[in-house]
Amino acid sequence: MAVKDSVAYQYAKWCLEDGNFYVGKYVRLQAAAWARIVDGADEEAYIDERMYEKMQKILGLMVHPDLQQPMTEGLEPYAQLLITAVFCTKLKNDEGKDIRYYENALLEIGRKNFKTFACAVIFILLMLTEPNFSRFFSVAPDLRLSSELKGAFRKIVKSSPALTRHFKILGKQINCHLTDSEYIPLAYSNDGMDGKLANAFLADEAGALDDYPVEAMRSSQITLFNKLGIIISTQYPNDDNVFIDEVDNIKKMLDGLHDDRRSFGLLYEPDEELIQGDAWKTEDRILYQANPVAVSYEYIFENLKKKRRQAVLYPNKRENFLCKHCNIRYKGLGVESYIEITSVMKCRIPVNKLFWKGKKVYIGIDLSMTEDNTAVAMSAIVDGCIYTKVWGFIPGDKKDEKREKEHVDYDRLIEQGVCFESDGEVIDYGDVERLVLGLEEEYGVEIVQVGYDKYNAISTVQKLEAAGYECVEIKQHSSVLHMPTKLLKEAVLGSTFFYEENRLLEINFENARCEYDRNMNRYVCKKKSAGKVDMVVAVINSVYLCQQYILYGSSFVVQII
C-alpha cells in the first residue's frame, strides 16, 4: 500500500476539505504542507515508500490492548498522520543519506485523546527501526507522568505476541533485544538531564516544564544526522513553560515567517476568533478543534459538553477545562492577538524608493533598552491610505544568540536592508539617529514630526530637535495608544494600510498581543506578547502622529492623560 492510500494522507486531505470546521487553521496549514510532500511537489522532502511499508508491517504486528485489533486499524487518524509524517518523510540531499526530514515534532492536543498511547507506539517503532545501540528518553515533570508512558508501552508489548519476546521490561528502563537499544523514562523532579545521548526524545506534558530538559536533550543530539525531538502537551496556565515557545515557533513556520521547515506540528487549538470573550461557553467548534477524537466518538464529545456546562456554572472548574480540554490558556483570556498575520500580509507591497519622494512623513521610534531590539517607522498618508516603511536595529554581538532564541534569520534581514546591526553587545543609538537624520536626503521626504516614548529616548530626541525636527512625546499609556492601535487594525482589515516588504515586521505582528484596561482601551502589551514587537510599536507611534494630524491639524504637541 502506498502512502497516498494511507489513513494519514486521507486524514490530511479531509482536513483540507472546504467548510471543514472540525480542525483549526494550523492543522490545515500543516496538513497542506505535508500533502504537498506526498504529492511530490516539495523541493526539500520526499516520502520514503519502503519505510512506510516497513512501518506498516510493524504496526500490523502490534495489537491494540483495548480493541484487540492490529495497530494499523486501532490508531486514531491524527496519530497515523503524526507517525507517518515523522517516520516516512525524508530529506532530499546530494549525498544520498537516509535522513528524516522532520527533526522536531509537536502535538498540541486536549486531554483524553489517547496521546500517551500514540507516544508509546512511536517509541516501539523507534526501538525497532533506529540503528543498534540507540538510546531513547521520555521526559515528564514527575515520576507519575513519566510512568504513564512506560505503562502504555508495557500494555502494547504484552498484548502483541510477535513483539513480546523482543522486549525486556525492567524497573527503570525497557530494552529491545533485536537492536540492543534502550528506552529510559525520566522524571524532571528526580533525574538529571545532562550527559545523555538521545537518538530521540519525547517531552510529555511540556506545558509543565521549563526550557532546561528540552534544551538538554537537544544539546545531546548535536552530532546526530537523524535526530528527533517530540514535544507533546495540552496548554497550561503558567506563562514560563517551554511549550509556549515551541507552539509559537511552529506557528511562525506554518505562517511562512521563517524558512526552517524541518519541524512538524499538529496544533489542535481553536481558531483565534473562537477564543475571544465568552464564545467557549457555547461554541462546539472549540471542542472539536482541540479534541480530534471527539469528531469520531460521540460519547467523548458529549462528555466534553458536560464538562463545559460545569465550567460555565463553577468558575473554579474553568482553568482546568479551558487549558486541558480546549487548549485555551485561561490566564490569557484578557489577552488576544493583535491582527491576524494573514490579514497583515495582504497589505505587503514591493519596495519602491521613488514612491516616497516628495511625501510628508511621520516618524515613530521605539527606543528600547540598548541590548534589545529597536525600531524606526516612517509613515505617510496618501489618498486616505497609510503607507509605512520600517527598520530594525539589533546588537551585532548578540545576533547568533537572538537567531537561536527567536528563530529569526537576522543575517538575511540585514542583507535585505530591513534591519541593521550595531557593533558590540548594545545598540548604538547613534545608528538610529543617523538613519532618521538621513531620511529626507535619501528618500526625498519631508519629516513633519517624530513621535517617541521618552523612556531611553531623551538624548536622541535632543539631537533630533537640535537638527530642527519637531519631536512629540507619545505616552505609552492605554488611554493614548488605544486610538492608533484601533486605527491601524481597521486600516489593515480595510486594506487602507500598506507596508514595504519586511519579514521582520511580519514576525513582530505575529508576536503582538493586546490587552484591555479597565475602560476597555486596547493596546499592544510587550510583556504579554510572544516575542519582539518593537516594529509594531514604532508603527503605532507613527500612526498616532498621522491620526492626530488628521483630527487636529498641526496644533497638537503632547497628550494630556
Protein backbone atom coordinates (compact mmCIF):
# COMPACT_ATOMS: atom_id res chain seq x y z
CA MET A 1 0.00 0.00 0.00
CA ALA A 2 1.36 3.44 -0.95
CA VAL A 3 1.32 6.47 1.32
CA LYS A 4 -1.32 8.09 -0.90
CA ASP A 5 -3.65 5.24 0.11
CA SER A 6 -2.85 5.61 3.82
CA VAL A 7 -5.11 6.77 6.62
CA ALA A 8 -2.58 9.55 7.25
CA TYR A 9 -2.87 11.02 3.76
CA GLN A 10 -6.65 10.62 3.64
CA TYR A 11 -6.90 12.40 7.00
CA ALA A 12 -4.67 15.23 5.74
CA LYS A 13 -6.90 15.65 2.68
CA TRP A 14 -10.01 15.56 4.89
CA CYS A 15 -8.57 18.41 6.96
CA LEU A 16 -8.33 20.48 3.78
CA GLU A 17 -11.91 20.00 2.63
CA ASP A 18 -13.87 23.22 2.13
CA GLY A 19 -16.10 24.01 5.07
CA ASN A 20 -14.35 21.61 7.46
CA PHE A 21 -14.69 23.41 10.79
CA TYR A 22 -13.57 20.38 12.85
CA VAL A 23 -9.90 21.37 12.64
CA GLY A 24 -8.27 24.74 13.16
CA LYS A 25 -6.13 26.89 10.92
CA TYR A 26 -2.73 25.49 11.87
CA VAL A 27 -3.75 21.86 11.47
CA ARG A 28 -4.94 22.73 7.98
CA LEU A 29 -1.69 24.52 7.17
CA GLN A 30 0.41 21.54 8.33
CA ALA A 31 -1.83 19.08 6.50
CA ALA A 32 -1.45 21.11 3.31
CA ALA A 33 2.34 21.29 3.66
CA TRP A 34 2.68 17.53 4.19
CA ALA A 35 0.20 16.69 1.43
CA ARG A 36 2.42 18.66 -0.98
CA ILE A 37 5.35 16.46 0.00
CA VAL A 38 3.29 13.29 -0.60
CA ASP A 39 2.22 14.70 -3.97
CA GLY A 40 5.89 15.16 -4.92
CA ALA A 41 5.65 18.95 -5.08
CA ASP A 42 8.24 19.81 -2.41
CA GLU A 43 11.85 20.72 -3.22
CA GLU A 44 13.34 19.66 0.13
CA ALA A 45 11.49 16.50 1.15
CA TYR A 46 10.09 13.27 -0.24
CA ILE A 47 8.17 10.23 1.01
CA ASP A 48 10.11 7.01 1.61
CA GLU A 49 7.62 4.36 0.45
CA ARG A 50 9.86 1.49 1.63
CA MET A 51 9.97 2.96 5.12
CA TYR A 52 6.18 3.25 5.03
CA GLU A 53 5.83 -0.43 4.14
CA LYS A 54 8.23 -1.39 6.93
CA MET A 55 6.36 0.76 9.44
CA GLN A 56 3.01 -0.71 8.40
CA LYS A 57 4.33 -4.23 8.89
CA ILE A 58 5.49 -3.40 12.41
CA LEU A 59 2.19 -1.69 13.24
CA GLY A 60 0.43 -4.79 11.93
CA LEU A 61 2.31 -6.87 14.49
CA MET A 62 1.25 -4.58 17.33
CA VAL A 63 -2.07 -5.45 18.92
CA HIS A 64 -4.17 -2.68 20.40
CA PRO A 65 -4.62 -3.82 24.03
CA ASP A 66 -8.12 -2.36 24.37
CA LEU A 67 -9.55 -3.02 20.91
CA GLN A 68 -7.72 -6.31 20.28
CA GLN A 69 -7.02 -5.39 16.67
CA PRO A 70 -3.85 -4.53 14.73
CA MET A 71 -2.49 -1.07 15.41
CA THR A 72 -2.91 -0.21 11.73
CA GLU A 73 -6.66 -0.21 12.44
CA GLY A 74 -6.64 0.89 16.08
CA LEU A 75 -4.63 4.11 15.87
CA GLU A 76 -6.55 7.38 15.61
CA PRO A 77 -6.22 9.22 12.25
CA TYR A 78 -4.32 12.17 13.79
CA ALA A 79 -1.82 9.70 15.34
CA GLN A 80 -1.39 7.96 11.99
CA LEU A 81 -0.65 11.33 10.36
CA LEU A 82 1.89 12.24 13.03
CA ILE A 83 3.65 8.86 12.91
CA THR A 84 3.65 8.55 9.12
CA ALA A 85 4.97 12.08 8.66
CA VAL A 86 7.74 11.67 11.24
CA PHE A 87 8.96 8.25 10.09
CA CYS A 88 8.41 8.35 6.34
CA THR A 89 9.25 11.92 5.31
CA LYS A 90 12.90 12.13 4.25
CA LEU A 91 15.34 14.90 3.34
CA LYS A 92 16.46 15.25 -0.25
CA ASN A 93 20.26 15.52 -0.25
CA ASP A 94 23.07 15.17 -2.78
CA GLU A 95 24.94 12.60 -0.64
CA GLY A 96 22.06 10.15 -0.78
CA LYS A 97 21.97 9.81 3.01
CA ASP A 98 18.85 8.39 4.63
CA ILE A 99 17.89 11.33 6.86
CA ARG A 100 14.49 12.05 8.33
CA TYR A 101 13.15 15.41 7.20
CA TYR A 102 11.49 16.33 10.46
CA GLU A 103 13.88 16.86 13.36
CA ASN A 104 11.16 18.13 15.66
CA ALA A 105 7.53 17.10 16.05
CA LEU A 106 4.97 18.89 18.17
CA LEU A 107 1.50 17.78 19.20
CA GLU A 108 -0.78 20.22 20.98
CA ILE A 109 -3.90 18.31 21.90
CA GLY A 110 -6.58 18.19 24.60
CA ARG A 111 -6.63 15.58 27.33
CA LYS A 112 -8.11 12.11 26.79
CA ASN A 113 -7.26 11.95 23.09
CA PHE A 114 -5.10 8.83 23.55
CA LYS A 115 -1.90 10.83 23.12
CA THR A 116 0.09 8.77 25.67
CA PHE A 117 -0.87 5.65 23.78
CA ALA A 118 0.34 7.18 20.49
CA CYS A 119 3.63 8.12 22.18
CA ALA A 120 4.20 4.52 23.24
CA VAL A 121 3.66 3.36 19.65
CA ILE A 122 6.25 5.89 18.48
CA PHE A 123 8.85 4.57 20.94
CA ILE A 124 8.25 0.96 19.90
CA LEU A 125 8.73 1.92 16.26
CA LEU A 126 11.91 3.83 17.11
CA MET A 127 13.39 0.94 19.03
CA LEU A 128 12.76 -1.44 16.13
CA THR A 129 13.88 0.83 13.27
CA GLU A 130 16.71 3.00 14.60
CA PRO A 131 20.39 1.88 14.48
CA ASN A 132 21.69 -0.64 17.01
CA PHE A 133 22.59 0.61 20.48
CA SER A 134 20.34 3.67 20.21
CA ARG A 135 19.04 5.33 23.36
CA PHE A 136 15.65 6.92 23.77
CA PHE A 137 14.33 9.07 26.58
CA SER A 138 10.98 10.42 27.62
CA VAL A 139 10.88 13.47 29.85
CA ALA A 140 7.94 14.31 32.10
CA PRO A 141 7.51 16.68 35.05
CA ASP A 142 7.34 13.95 37.68
CA LEU A 143 7.65 10.19 38.18
CA ARG A 144 3.90 9.55 37.93
CA LEU A 145 3.58 11.15 34.48
CA SER A 146 6.80 9.53 33.33
CA SER A 147 5.44 6.13 34.32
CA GLU A 148 2.25 6.64 32.29
CA LEU A 149 4.13 6.33 29.02
CA LYS A 150 6.06 3.30 30.20
CA GLY A 151 2.78 1.71 31.28
CA ALA A 152 1.23 2.21 27.84
CA PHE A 153 4.40 0.77 26.25
CA ARG A 154 4.13 -2.30 28.50
CA LYS A 155 0.44 -2.87 27.65
CA ILE A 156 1.11 -2.86 23.91
CA VAL A 157 4.11 -5.19 24.12
CA LYS A 158 2.34 -7.64 26.44
CA SER A 159 -0.68 -7.70 24.12
CA SER A 160 1.39 -8.36 20.99
CA PRO A 161 2.74 -11.97 20.84
CA ALA A 162 5.03 -11.16 17.90
CA LEU A 163 6.76 -8.44 19.93
CA THR A 164 6.81 -9.79 23.48
CA ARG A 165 9.97 -11.86 23.15
CA HIS A 166 11.93 -8.96 21.68
CA PHE A 167 11.49 -6.61 24.64
CA LYS A 168 12.56 -6.83 28.25
CA ILE A 169 10.72 -4.53 30.64
CA LEU A 170 12.86 -3.68 33.66
CA GLY A 171 12.22 -1.47 36.65
CA LYS A 172 13.82 1.68 35.25
CA GLN A 173 14.03 1.02 31.52
CA ILE A 174 12.91 -1.12 28.59
CA ASN A 175 15.41 -2.97 26.38
CA CYS A 176 14.97 -4.23 22.82
CA HIS A 177 16.95 -7.42 22.09
CA LEU A 178 16.76 -7.04 18.30
CA THR A 179 18.61 -3.72 18.19
CA ASP A 180 20.26 -3.57 21.63
CA SER A 181 18.52 -0.26 22.15
CA GLU A 182 17.05 1.06 25.37
CA TYR A 183 14.25 3.37 26.40
CA ILE A 184 14.53 5.22 29.72
CA PRO A 185 11.69 7.31 31.15
CA LEU A 186 12.99 10.34 33.07
CA ALA A 187 11.25 12.47 35.68
CA TYR A 188 12.39 16.12 35.77
CA SER A 189 11.76 16.22 39.51
CA ASN A 190 14.10 13.25 40.13
CA ASP A 191 16.59 12.82 37.27
CA GLY A 192 19.39 14.87 35.75
CA MET A 193 19.06 15.56 32.03
CA ASP A 194 22.67 16.26 31.07
CA GLY A 195 25.20 13.75 29.77
CA LYS A 196 22.70 11.60 27.87
CA LEU A 197 22.95 10.93 24.12
CA ALA A 198 19.36 10.80 22.90
CA ASN A 199 18.78 9.42 19.42
CA ALA A 200 15.23 10.52 20.03
CA PHE A 201 13.41 12.03 22.98
CA LEU A 202 9.85 12.87 23.88
CA ALA A 203 8.79 15.61 26.29
CA ASP A 204 5.34 14.78 27.65
CA GLU A 205 3.18 17.42 29.36
CA ALA A 206 5.70 20.04 28.23
CA GLY A 207 3.39 22.77 29.49
CA ALA A 208 4.60 21.88 32.98
CA LEU A 209 8.30 22.01 32.01
CA ASP A 210 10.73 24.89 31.68
CA ASP A 211 13.35 25.11 28.92
CA TYR A 212 16.08 23.07 30.61
CA PRO A 213 15.04 19.43 29.99
CA VAL A 214 14.20 20.03 26.33
CA GLU A 215 17.36 22.00 25.66
CA ALA A 216 19.46 19.39 27.50
CA MET A 217 18.04 16.67 25.26
CA ARG A 218 18.56 18.72 22.11
CA SER A 219 22.11 19.55 23.12
CA SER A 220 22.86 15.84 23.34
CA GLN A 221 21.84 15.43 19.67
CA ILE A 222 24.23 17.94 18.09
CA THR A 223 26.40 15.27 16.42
CA LEU A 224 23.50 13.20 15.04
CA PHE A 225 22.14 13.31 11.47
CA ASN A 226 18.89 11.54 12.36
CA LYS A 227 17.91 13.41 15.49
CA LEU A 228 14.31 13.59 16.64
CA GLY A 229 12.62 15.52 19.41
CA ILE A 230 8.90 15.19 20.09
CA ILE A 231 7.04 17.71 22.26
CA ILE A 232 3.51 16.86 23.42
CA SER A 233 1.19 18.69 25.78
CA THR A 234 -2.07 20.43 26.43
CA GLN A 235 -1.92 24.12 27.27
CA TYR A 236 -1.08 25.16 30.83
CA PRO A 237 -1.99 28.42 32.57
CA ASN A 238 1.57 29.41 33.53
CA ASP A 239 3.50 31.92 31.41
CA ASP A 240 7.00 30.44 31.70
CA ASN A 241 6.85 26.97 30.15
CA VAL A 242 8.75 25.62 27.16
CA PHE A 243 5.57 24.64 25.33
CA ILE A 244 4.59 28.28 24.69
CA ASP A 245 7.77 28.91 22.70
CA GLU A 246 7.53 25.58 20.87
CA VAL A 247 3.97 26.28 19.74
CA ASP A 248 4.89 29.82 18.74
CA ASN A 249 7.82 28.54 16.66
CA ILE A 250 5.56 26.09 14.79
CA LYS A 251 3.03 28.86 14.10
CA LYS A 252 5.72 31.13 12.70
CA MET A 253 6.95 28.28 10.49
CA LEU A 254 3.45 27.47 9.19
CA ASP A 255 2.75 31.16 8.60
CA GLY A 256 5.91 31.33 6.49
CA LEU A 257 7.70 33.72 8.80
CA HIS A 258 10.91 31.70 8.91
CA ASP A 259 12.47 29.32 6.45
CA ASP A 260 13.34 26.30 8.62
CA ARG A 261 10.55 23.82 7.80
CA ARG A 262 12.10 20.75 9.43
CA SER A 263 9.50 20.68 12.17
CA PHE A 264 6.10 19.03 12.05
CA GLY A 265 3.31 20.37 14.22
CA LEU A 266 -0.30 19.38 14.79
CA LEU A 267 -1.75 22.23 16.82
CA TYR A 268 -5.21 21.19 17.93
CA GLU A 269 -6.34 24.51 19.28
CA PRO A 270 -9.34 26.73 18.46
CA ASP A 271 -9.04 29.37 15.78
CA GLU A 272 -8.33 32.87 17.06
CA GLU A 273 -11.86 34.24 16.51
CA LEU A 274 -13.35 31.44 18.64
CA ILE A 275 -11.42 32.16 21.85
CA GLN A 276 -12.45 35.76 22.41
CA GLY A 277 -14.92 36.69 25.11
CA ASP A 278 -17.39 34.02 26.19
CA ALA A 279 -17.57 32.04 22.94
CA TRP A 280 -16.17 28.98 24.75
CA LYS A 281 -19.42 28.68 26.71
CA THR A 282 -21.47 27.70 23.65
CA GLU A 283 -19.22 27.21 20.62
CA ASP A 284 -18.94 23.49 19.77
CA ARG A 285 -16.21 24.13 17.21
CA ILE A 286 -13.82 24.83 20.09
CA LEU A 287 -14.34 21.31 21.43
CA TYR A 288 -13.82 19.71 18.03
CA GLN A 289 -10.74 21.75 17.11
CA ALA A 290 -8.97 20.96 20.40
CA ASN A 291 -10.06 17.31 20.57
CA PRO A 292 -9.74 15.41 17.28
CA VAL A 293 -11.05 12.21 18.85
CA ALA A 294 -14.34 13.98 19.65
CA VAL A 295 -15.05 14.08 15.92
CA SER A 296 -15.19 10.29 15.75
CA TYR A 297 -16.62 9.41 19.16
CA GLU A 298 -19.94 10.95 20.10
CA TYR A 299 -19.65 9.83 23.74
CA ILE A 300 -16.40 11.80 24.12
CA PHE A 301 -18.00 14.90 22.60
CA GLU A 302 -20.97 14.62 24.95
CA ASN A 303 -18.63 14.23 27.92
CA LEU A 304 -16.78 17.38 26.89
CA LYS A 305 -20.07 19.28 26.70
CA LYS A 306 -20.89 18.09 30.21
CA LYS A 307 -17.53 19.40 31.46
CA ARG A 308 -18.23 22.67 29.67
CA ARG A 309 -21.55 23.08 31.48
CA GLN A 310 -19.77 22.58 34.80
CA ALA A 311 -17.11 25.15 33.87
CA VAL A 312 -19.82 27.69 32.96
CA LEU A 313 -21.55 27.17 36.31
CA TYR A 314 -18.48 26.94 38.55
CA PRO A 315 -15.55 29.36 37.99
CA ASN A 316 -13.16 27.12 39.92
CA LYS A 317 -13.51 24.49 37.17
CA ARG A 318 -12.75 26.83 34.27
CA GLU A 319 -8.98 26.79 34.36
CA ASN A 320 -8.78 23.02 34.05
CA PHE A 321 -11.47 22.86 31.36
CA LEU A 322 -10.17 25.69 29.21
CA CYS A 323 -6.49 24.74 29.44
CA LYS A 324 -6.68 20.96 29.38
CA HIS A 325 -9.71 20.33 27.16
CA CYS A 326 -9.87 23.43 24.94
CA ASN A 327 -6.19 24.42 24.71
CA ILE A 328 -7.11 27.96 25.73
CA ARG A 329 -4.76 29.46 28.30
CA TYR A 330 -7.21 30.74 30.89
CA LYS A 331 -4.91 33.44 32.24
CA GLY A 332 -4.66 34.73 28.72
CA LEU A 333 -8.38 35.28 28.12
CA GLY A 334 -7.84 39.03 28.56
CA VAL A 335 -5.01 38.93 26.01
CA GLU A 336 -5.53 38.42 22.31
CA SER A 337 -3.51 38.50 19.13
CA TYR A 338 -3.39 41.98 17.67
CA ILE A 339 -4.03 41.33 13.97
CA GLU A 340 -4.25 38.01 12.16
CA ILE A 341 -0.97 37.65 10.25
CA THR A 342 -2.67 36.58 7.03
CA SER A 343 -4.57 39.88 7.03
CA VAL A 344 -1.35 41.80 7.60
CA MET A 345 0.46 40.04 4.75
CA LYS A 346 -2.25 41.10 2.30
CA CYS A 347 -1.04 44.68 2.87
CA ARG A 348 2.52 43.96 1.71
CA ILE A 349 3.79 45.94 -1.29
CA PRO A 350 7.14 45.84 -3.12
CA VAL A 351 9.98 48.10 -2.03
CA ASN A 352 9.78 51.34 -4.05
CA LYS A 353 12.14 54.10 -3.04
CA LEU A 354 10.73 56.53 -5.61
CA PHE A 355 7.27 56.30 -4.03
CA TRP A 356 8.43 58.31 -1.03
CA LYS A 357 9.84 61.27 -2.96
CA GLY A 358 8.01 64.45 -2.03
CA LYS A 359 5.86 62.82 0.66
CA LYS A 360 5.24 64.33 4.09
CA VAL A 361 6.07 61.64 6.62
CA TYR A 362 5.68 60.96 10.33
CA ILE A 363 8.41 59.08 12.15
CA GLY A 364 7.70 56.69 15.03
CA ILE A 365 10.58 55.50 17.21
CA ASP A 366 10.66 52.69 19.75
CA LEU A 367 13.96 53.06 21.58
CA SER A 368 14.16 50.04 23.86
CA MET A 369 17.00 49.19 26.19
CA THR A 370 20.31 49.25 24.32
CA GLU A 371 20.73 45.45 24.46
CA ASP A 372 17.27 44.84 22.99
CA ASN A 373 15.68 45.43 19.58
CA THR A 374 14.91 49.00 18.48
CA ALA A 375 12.81 50.20 15.55
CA VAL A 376 12.07 53.26 13.41
CA ALA A 377 8.90 53.58 11.31
CA MET A 378 8.20 56.12 8.56
CA SER A 379 4.53 56.61 7.64
CA ALA A 380 2.70 58.81 5.16
CA ILE A 381 -0.96 59.42 4.36
CA VAL A 382 -1.68 59.16 0.63
CA ASP A 383 -5.22 59.25 -0.78
CA GLY A 384 -6.66 58.23 2.58
CA CYS A 385 -4.30 55.26 2.99
CA ILE A 386 -1.38 54.80 5.37
CA TYR A 387 1.93 53.73 3.85
CA THR A 388 4.75 52.58 6.11
CA LYS A 389 8.40 51.61 5.90
CA VAL A 390 10.14 50.18 8.97
CA TRP A 391 13.72 49.46 10.02
CA GLY A 392 15.01 47.44 12.97
CA PHE A 393 18.25 47.58 14.96
CA ILE A 394 19.95 44.79 16.91
CA PRO A 395 23.24 44.40 18.81
CA GLY A 396 25.63 42.66 16.41
CA ASP A 397 27.41 40.54 19.03
CA LYS A 398 24.06 39.09 20.15
CA LYS A 399 22.90 38.21 16.63
CA ASP A 400 23.68 34.49 16.85
CA GLU A 401 22.09 34.21 20.30
CA LYS A 402 18.98 36.03 19.10
CA ARG A 403 18.77 33.85 15.99
CA GLU A 404 18.66 30.70 18.09
CA LYS A 405 16.29 32.06 20.69
CA GLU A 406 13.86 33.89 18.41
CA HIS A 407 14.19 31.61 15.34
CA VAL A 408 14.77 34.69 13.16
CA ASP A 409 17.36 34.77 10.36
CA TYR A 410 18.82 38.20 11.14
CA ASP A 411 21.65 37.82 8.62
CA ARG A 412 19.13 37.58 5.81
CA LEU A 413 17.12 40.52 7.15
CA ILE A 414 20.27 42.63 7.35
CA GLU A 415 21.07 41.74 3.73
CA GLN A 416 17.55 42.82 2.76
CA GLY A 417 18.08 46.21 4.40
CA VAL A 418 15.20 45.98 6.87
CA CYS A 419 17.49 45.53 9.87
CA PHE A 420 20.84 46.97 10.97
CA GLU A 421 23.36 45.63 13.46
CA SER A 422 25.39 47.80 15.80
CA ASP A 423 28.89 46.77 16.78
CA GLY A 424 29.14 45.18 20.22
CA GLU A 425 26.56 43.86 22.64
CA VAL A 426 24.41 47.00 22.77
CA ILE A 427 22.66 49.13 20.17
CA ASP A 428 24.40 52.36 19.27
CA TYR A 429 21.66 54.98 19.37
CA GLY A 430 23.87 56.99 17.04
CA ASP A 431 22.96 54.48 14.30
CA VAL A 432 19.28 55.25 14.90
CA GLU A 433 19.89 58.99 14.88
CA ARG A 434 21.90 58.83 11.64
CA LEU A 435 19.10 56.87 9.95
CA VAL A 436 16.44 59.43 10.93
CA LEU A 437 18.64 62.42 10.06
CA GLY A 438 19.39 60.95 6.64
CA LEU A 439 15.82 60.11 5.59
CA GLU A 440 14.99 63.44 3.95
CA GLU A 441 18.06 63.34 1.73
CA GLU A 442 17.91 59.62 0.92
CA TYR A 443 14.18 59.34 0.25
CA GLY A 444 13.29 62.90 -0.67
CA VAL A 445 10.67 63.13 2.10
CA GLU A 446 9.68 65.94 4.42
CA ILE A 447 9.60 64.87 8.07
CA VAL A 448 6.63 66.58 9.72
CA GLN A 449 7.09 65.17 13.23
CA VAL A 450 8.93 62.49 15.17
CA GLY A 451 6.96 60.54 17.78
CA TYR A 452 8.74 58.87 20.68
CA ASP A 453 8.38 57.28 24.09
CA LYS A 454 10.63 59.24 26.43
CA TYR A 455 11.98 56.02 28.02
CA ASN A 456 15.60 55.73 26.80
CA ALA A 457 14.97 58.47 24.22
CA ILE A 458 15.89 61.79 25.86
CA SER A 459 19.40 62.07 24.39
CA THR A 460 18.30 61.05 20.91
CA VAL A 461 15.34 63.45 20.97
CA GLN A 462 17.59 66.34 22.00
CA LYS A 463 19.82 65.67 18.98
CA LEU A 464 16.84 65.47 16.62
CA GLU A 465 15.38 68.70 17.99
CA ALA A 466 18.77 70.36 17.62
CA ALA A 467 18.66 69.33 13.96
CA GLY A 468 15.35 71.18 13.59
CA TYR A 469 12.81 68.38 13.86
CA GLU A 470 9.63 68.68 15.92
CA CYS A 471 9.52 65.77 18.37
CA VAL A 472 6.30 64.71 20.10
CA GLU A 473 6.25 62.56 23.22
CA ILE A 474 3.73 59.74 22.93
CA LYS A 475 2.91 58.50 26.39
CA GLN A 476 2.84 54.70 26.43
CA HIS A 477 -0.49 54.54 28.21
CA SER A 478 -3.62 52.69 27.13
CA SER A 479 -5.74 55.86 27.02
CA VAL A 480 -3.33 57.35 24.48
CA LEU A 481 -2.43 54.25 22.47
CA HIS A 482 -5.97 52.89 22.09
CA MET A 483 -6.92 55.15 19.17
CA PRO A 484 -3.89 54.50 16.92
CA THR A 485 -3.94 50.80 17.85
CA LYS A 486 -7.57 50.62 16.76
CA LEU A 487 -6.98 52.72 13.64
CA LEU A 488 -4.06 50.56 12.48
CA LYS A 489 -6.09 47.37 12.82
CA GLU A 490 -9.04 48.89 10.98
CA ALA A 491 -6.70 50.09 8.23
CA VAL A 492 -5.21 46.61 7.85
CA LEU A 493 -8.61 44.91 7.72
CA GLY A 494 -9.98 47.61 5.42
CA SER A 495 -7.00 47.41 3.04
CA THR A 496 -6.03 51.05 3.63
CA PHE A 497 -2.67 50.20 5.22
CA PHE A 498 0.36 49.22 3.18
CA TYR A 499 3.91 48.38 4.20
CA GLU A 500 7.01 47.79 2.13
CA GLU A 501 8.02 44.13 2.13
CA ASN A 502 9.56 43.36 5.52
CA ARG A 503 9.61 39.89 7.05
CA LEU A 504 10.78 41.19 10.44
CA LEU A 505 7.73 43.45 10.65
CA GLU A 506 5.51 40.46 9.85
CA ILE A 507 7.16 38.46 12.63
CA ASN A 508 6.52 41.36 15.02
CA PHE A 509 2.85 41.45 14.02
CA GLU A 510 2.67 37.70 14.59
CA ASN A 511 4.15 38.20 18.08
CA ALA A 512 1.94 41.12 19.08
CA ARG A 513 -0.64 40.55 21.80
CA CYS A 514 -3.17 43.10 23.02
CA GLU A 515 -4.62 43.75 26.43
CA TYR A 516 -7.54 45.84 27.65
CA ASP A 517 -7.51 48.21 30.59
CA ARG A 518 -10.49 48.69 32.90
CA ASN A 519 -12.03 51.18 30.44
CA MET A 520 -11.69 48.68 27.59
CA ASN A 521 -8.90 50.68 25.95
CA ARG A 522 -6.85 48.32 23.81
CA TYR A 523 -3.08 48.41 23.46
CA VAL A 524 -0.17 46.17 22.43
CA CYS A 525 1.35 44.74 25.59
CA LYS A 526 5.07 43.94 25.30
CA LYS A 527 5.09 41.72 28.38
CA LYS A 528 2.22 39.56 27.12
CA SER A 529 3.44 39.37 23.52
CA ALA A 530 5.02 36.19 22.16
CA GLY A 531 8.29 37.84 21.11
CA LYS A 532 9.70 41.11 19.83
CA VAL A 533 7.13 43.77 18.88
CA ASP A 534 9.31 46.89 18.64
CA MET A 535 8.49 47.40 14.96
CA VAL A 536 4.74 47.26 15.60
CA VAL A 537 5.12 49.76 18.46
CA ALA A 538 7.12 52.09 16.20
CA VAL A 539 4.40 51.84 13.53
CA ILE A 540 1.69 52.61 16.10
CA ASN A 541 3.69 55.65 17.24
CA SER A 542 3.89 56.91 13.66
CA VAL A 543 0.20 56.17 13.07
CA TYR A 544 -0.60 58.16 16.22
CA LEU A 545 1.01 61.22 14.64
CA CYS A 546 -0.86 60.63 11.39
CA GLN A 547 -4.13 60.32 13.27
CA GLN A 548 -3.59 63.43 15.36
CA TYR A 549 -2.74 65.44 12.29
CA ILE A 550 -5.94 64.26 10.58
CA LEU A 551 -8.03 65.15 13.64
CA TYR A 552 -6.39 68.36 14.85
CA GLY A 553 -4.05 69.58 12.14
CA SER A 554 -0.62 70.75 13.27
CA SER A 555 -1.73 72.38 16.55
CA PHE A 556 -1.12 69.45 18.90
CA VAL A 557 2.14 68.92 20.77
CA VAL A 558 1.60 66.43 23.61
CA GLN A 559 -1.22 64.43 25.11
CA ILE A 560 -2.79 65.01 28.49
CA ILE A 561 -3.85 61.89 30.39
